[in-house]
């Protein structure tokens, strides 16, 4: 169910400095303690559009199916996290029009419902927080988003992050590379920062 959208002025994005990627969760229009009944979804590049969405009990049960059976290992849980994120994207997309989102930026540029990495990382972090709130993450906790930039990795790029319990290894959970409803690319953060992508991993 979709509540009244709030359209925001597009943020000025300077591509030469990391501080512009300060976590958008400090914004007062993005819900920082999301619940299934009320959470924010960003789209239209750099969270230019933000809407509040709620899921029905059946939708939530469907989205968390991959995580309902405790994973035997952290690696198995990461695979299940990716499946649940994909399901959440598909369900939410029906309410927001983001079902049209295409991977990366160029294939969907100028089209409604398109997401850039700021939108994707914000939404994915929200979905991870929902899963964490429900006690579904047993081998991981939600970390702070991370940005990579530099001569050999192209334009600045931001991702959601999970942290493995025990080892403290950080993993990128990057939904930007693929179309809406596809499992996000998950990789150790150091590999991701070095430029890892689905077609290079």
Protein backbone atom coordinates (compact mmCIF):
# COMPACT_ATOMS: atom_id res chain seq x y z
CA UNK A 1 0.00 0.00 0.00
CA UNK A 2 1.39 3.37 -1.04
CA UNK A 3 0.96 6.56 0.94
CA UNK A 4 1.11 10.06 -0.49
CA UNK A 5 4.44 10.65 -2.25
CA UNK A 6 6.70 13.51 -1.30
CA UNK A 7 8.67 14.88 -4.18
CA UNK A 8 11.94 16.46 -3.22
CA UNK A 9 14.36 18.72 -4.95
CA UNK A 10 17.09 16.59 -6.55
CA UNK A 11 20.24 16.69 -4.48
CA UNK A 12 23.32 18.30 -5.96
CA UNK A 13 25.79 15.46 -6.54
CA UNK A 14 29.47 16.39 -6.81
CA UNK A 15 31.39 13.46 -8.21
CA UNK A 16 34.81 14.41 -6.97
CA UNK A 17 34.43 14.12 -3.22
CA UNK A 18 33.17 11.45 -0.85
CA UNK A 19 31.41 13.78 1.66
CA UNK A 20 28.47 14.27 -0.72
CA UNK A 21 27.59 10.65 -0.04
CA UNK A 22 26.86 11.28 3.65
CA UNK A 23 24.26 8.78 4.75
CA UNK A 24 20.82 9.89 3.57
CA UNK A 25 19.24 8.36 6.65
CA UNK A 26 19.97 11.64 8.43
CA UNK A 27 17.22 13.23 6.30
CA UNK A 28 14.00 13.82 8.19
CA UNK A 29 11.87 12.57 5.28
CA UNK A 30 13.39 9.06 5.31
CA UNK A 31 12.18 6.69 8.02
CA UNK A 32 15.17 5.57 10.08
CA UNK A 33 13.35 2.88 12.07
CA UNK A 34 11.36 1.15 9.33
CA UNK A 35 8.63 -1.38 10.01
CA UNK A 36 6.64 -3.57 7.65
CA UNK A 37 3.76 -1.14 8.10
CA UNK A 38 5.75 2.01 7.30
CA UNK A 39 9.05 2.37 5.46
CA UNK A 40 10.55 4.77 2.92
CA UNK A 41 11.38 3.99 -0.71
CA UNK A 42 13.62 6.24 -2.83
CA UNK A 43 13.67 6.58 -6.61
CA UNK A 44 14.17 9.03 -9.51
CA UNK A 45 17.92 9.42 -8.73
CA UNK A 46 19.48 10.56 -5.42
CA UNK A 47 16.15 10.10 -3.62
CA UNK A 48 14.50 12.89 -5.61
CA UNK A 49 11.22 11.06 -4.91
CA UNK A 50 10.50 9.44 -1.56
CA UNK A 51 7.30 7.57 -0.75
CA UNK A 52 6.11 5.65 2.29
CA UNK A 53 5.07 2.06 1.69
CA UNK A 54 3.50 -0.68 3.79
CA UNK A 55 3.29 -4.41 3.10
CA UNK A 56 0.42 -6.77 3.81
CA UNK A 57 1.12 -9.77 6.08
CA UNK A 58 1.01 -12.07 3.04
CA UNK A 59 3.48 -9.92 1.12
CA UNK A 60 5.87 -9.90 4.05
CA UNK A 61 5.62 -13.67 4.51
CA UNK A 62 6.41 -14.16 0.85
CA UNK A 63 9.40 -11.81 0.98
CA UNK A 64 11.02 -13.51 3.99
CA UNK A 65 10.54 -17.10 2.82
CA UNK A 66 14.24 -17.56 1.93
CA UNK A 67 15.27 -16.58 5.49
CA UNK A 68 12.67 -18.39 7.54
CA UNK A 69 14.73 -21.55 7.82
CA UNK A 70 17.92 -20.71 9.76
CA UNK A 71 20.92 -20.78 7.43
CA UNK A 72 23.65 -23.30 8.22
CA UNK A 73 26.41 -20.79 7.48
CA UNK A 74 27.03 -17.09 6.90
CA UNK A 75 27.52 -17.76 3.17
CA UNK A 76 24.15 -19.52 2.97
CA UNK A 77 22.52 -16.62 4.79
CA UNK A 78 24.00 -14.12 2.32
CA UNK A 79 22.45 -16.09 -0.53
CA UNK A 80 19.09 -16.05 1.27
CA UNK A 81 19.42 -12.31 1.96
CA UNK A 82 19.91 -11.71 -1.75
CA UNK A 83 16.74 -13.69 -2.54
CA UNK A 84 14.68 -11.78 0.02
CA UNK A 85 15.94 -8.41 -1.22
CA UNK A 86 14.93 -9.40 -4.76
CA UNK A 87 11.45 -10.37 -3.58
CA UNK A 88 11.05 -7.11 -1.66
CA UNK A 89 12.11 -5.09 -4.70
CA UNK A 90 9.51 -6.85 -6.86
CA UNK A 91 6.71 -6.40 -4.32
CA UNK A 92 7.52 -2.75 -3.63
CA UNK A 93 7.92 -2.07 -7.34
CA UNK A 94 4.22 -2.75 -7.89
CA UNK A 95 3.34 0.12 -5.54
CA UNK A 96 5.97 2.64 -6.59
CA UNK A 97 6.44 2.05 -10.32
CA UNK A 98 10.03 1.00 -9.67
CA UNK A 99 9.30 -2.40 -11.22
CA UNK A 100 10.53 -0.68 -14.40
CA UNK A 101 13.99 -0.04 -12.95
CA UNK A 102 16.85 -1.29 -15.12
CA UNK A 103 20.29 -2.21 -13.93
CA UNK A 104 22.99 0.44 -13.77
CA UNK A 105 22.08 3.94 -15.03
CA UNK A 106 22.29 4.20 -18.81
CA UNK A 107 19.62 1.67 -19.82
CA UNK A 108 16.92 3.46 -17.83
CA UNK A 109 18.11 7.03 -17.92
CA UNK A 110 15.31 9.56 -18.09
CA UNK A 111 12.61 6.94 -17.51
CA UNK A 112 10.19 7.06 -14.56
CA UNK A 113 10.87 4.74 -11.67
CA UNK A 114 14.60 4.48 -12.33
CA UNK A 115 17.02 4.12 -9.42
CA UNK A 116 20.64 5.18 -9.16
CA UNK A 117 23.08 3.81 -6.57
CA UNK A 118 21.96 6.30 -3.92
CA UNK A 119 18.35 5.16 -4.28
CA UNK A 120 19.38 1.49 -4.41
CA UNK A 121 21.70 1.60 -1.41
CA UNK A 122 19.15 3.53 0.65
CA UNK A 123 16.32 1.12 -0.17
CA UNK A 124 18.45 -1.99 0.29
CA UNK A 125 19.60 -0.74 3.69
CA UNK A 126 15.95 -0.20 4.62
CA UNK A 127 15.05 -3.75 3.53
CA UNK A 128 18.00 -5.14 5.50
CA UNK A 129 16.84 -3.25 8.57
CA UNK A 130 13.37 -4.75 8.18
CA UNK A 131 14.88 -8.24 8.04
CA UNK A 132 17.10 -7.49 11.03
CA UNK A 133 14.19 -6.08 13.02
CA UNK A 134 12.28 -9.33 12.48
CA UNK A 135 15.19 -11.38 13.83
CA UNK A 136 15.87 -12.99 10.47
CA UNK A 137 19.58 -12.16 10.29
CA UNK A 138 21.43 -14.63 12.48
CA UNK A 139 24.91 -14.48 10.93
CA UNK A 140 24.97 -10.79 10.00
CA UNK A 141 24.08 -7.31 11.15
CA UNK A 142 23.34 -4.24 9.04
CA UNK A 143 26.33 -1.97 8.52
CA UNK A 144 26.80 1.59 7.30
CA UNK A 145 26.70 2.16 3.58
CA UNK A 146 30.00 2.40 1.75
CA UNK A 147 31.21 4.37 -1.28
CA UNK A 148 33.97 3.49 -3.71
CA UNK A 149 35.70 5.99 -5.99
CA UNK A 150 38.99 6.37 -7.74
CA UNK A 151 40.86 6.28 -11.01
CA UNK A 152 40.43 2.56 -11.61
CA UNK A 153 36.84 1.98 -10.44
CA UNK A 154 35.06 4.74 -12.35
CA UNK A 155 32.43 7.11 -10.99
CA UNK A 156 31.71 7.21 -7.23
CA UNK A 157 29.36 4.38 -6.34
CA UNK A 158 27.52 3.56 -3.09
CA UNK A 159 26.25 0.27 -1.69
CA UNK A 160 24.42 -1.17 1.29
CA UNK A 161 26.58 -3.21 3.66
CA UNK A 162 26.18 -6.20 5.98
CA UNK A 163 28.70 -7.29 8.60
CA UNK A 164 29.33 -10.94 9.35
CA UNK A 165 28.92 -11.73 13.05
CA UNK A 166 32.11 -13.08 14.60
CA UNK A 167 34.54 -12.36 11.79
CA UNK A 168 33.40 -8.73 11.35
CA UNK A 169 33.91 -9.11 7.59
CA UNK A 170 31.97 -6.52 5.65
CA UNK A 171 30.05 -7.35 2.48
CA UNK A 172 28.58 -5.07 -0.15
CA UNK A 173 24.93 -5.78 -0.97
CA UNK A 174 24.70 -3.96 -4.29
CA UNK A 175 21.31 -3.86 -6.06
CA UNK A 176 22.32 -1.22 -8.60
CA UNK A 177 23.91 -3.52 -11.18
CA UNK A 178 20.77 -5.51 -11.99
CA UNK A 179 17.13 -4.97 -12.94
CA UNK A 180 14.39 -4.66 -10.35
CA UNK A 181 13.60 -7.97 -8.68
CA UNK A 182 16.98 -9.56 -9.39
CA UNK A 183 19.15 -10.69 -6.44
CA UNK A 184 21.75 -8.06 -5.53
CA UNK A 185 25.44 -8.59 -6.08
CA UNK A 186 27.13 -9.51 -2.79
CA UNK A 187 30.91 -9.40 -2.39
CA UNK A 188 33.49 -8.75 0.30
CA UNK A 189 33.82 -5.02 0.66
CA UNK A 190 37.51 -4.90 -0.27
CA UNK A 191 36.81 -6.68 -3.56
CA UNK A 192 33.85 -4.40 -4.20
CA UNK A 193 35.93 -1.30 -3.48
CA UNK A 194 38.52 -2.55 -5.97
CA UNK A 195 35.85 -2.54 -8.69
CA UNK A 196 34.22 -5.98 -8.44
CA UNK A 197 30.94 -6.31 -10.33
CA UNK A 198 28.69 -9.23 -11.37
CA UNK A 199 30.44 -9.53 -14.73
CA UNK A 200 33.93 -9.50 -13.21
CA UNK A 201 33.47 -11.54 -10.04
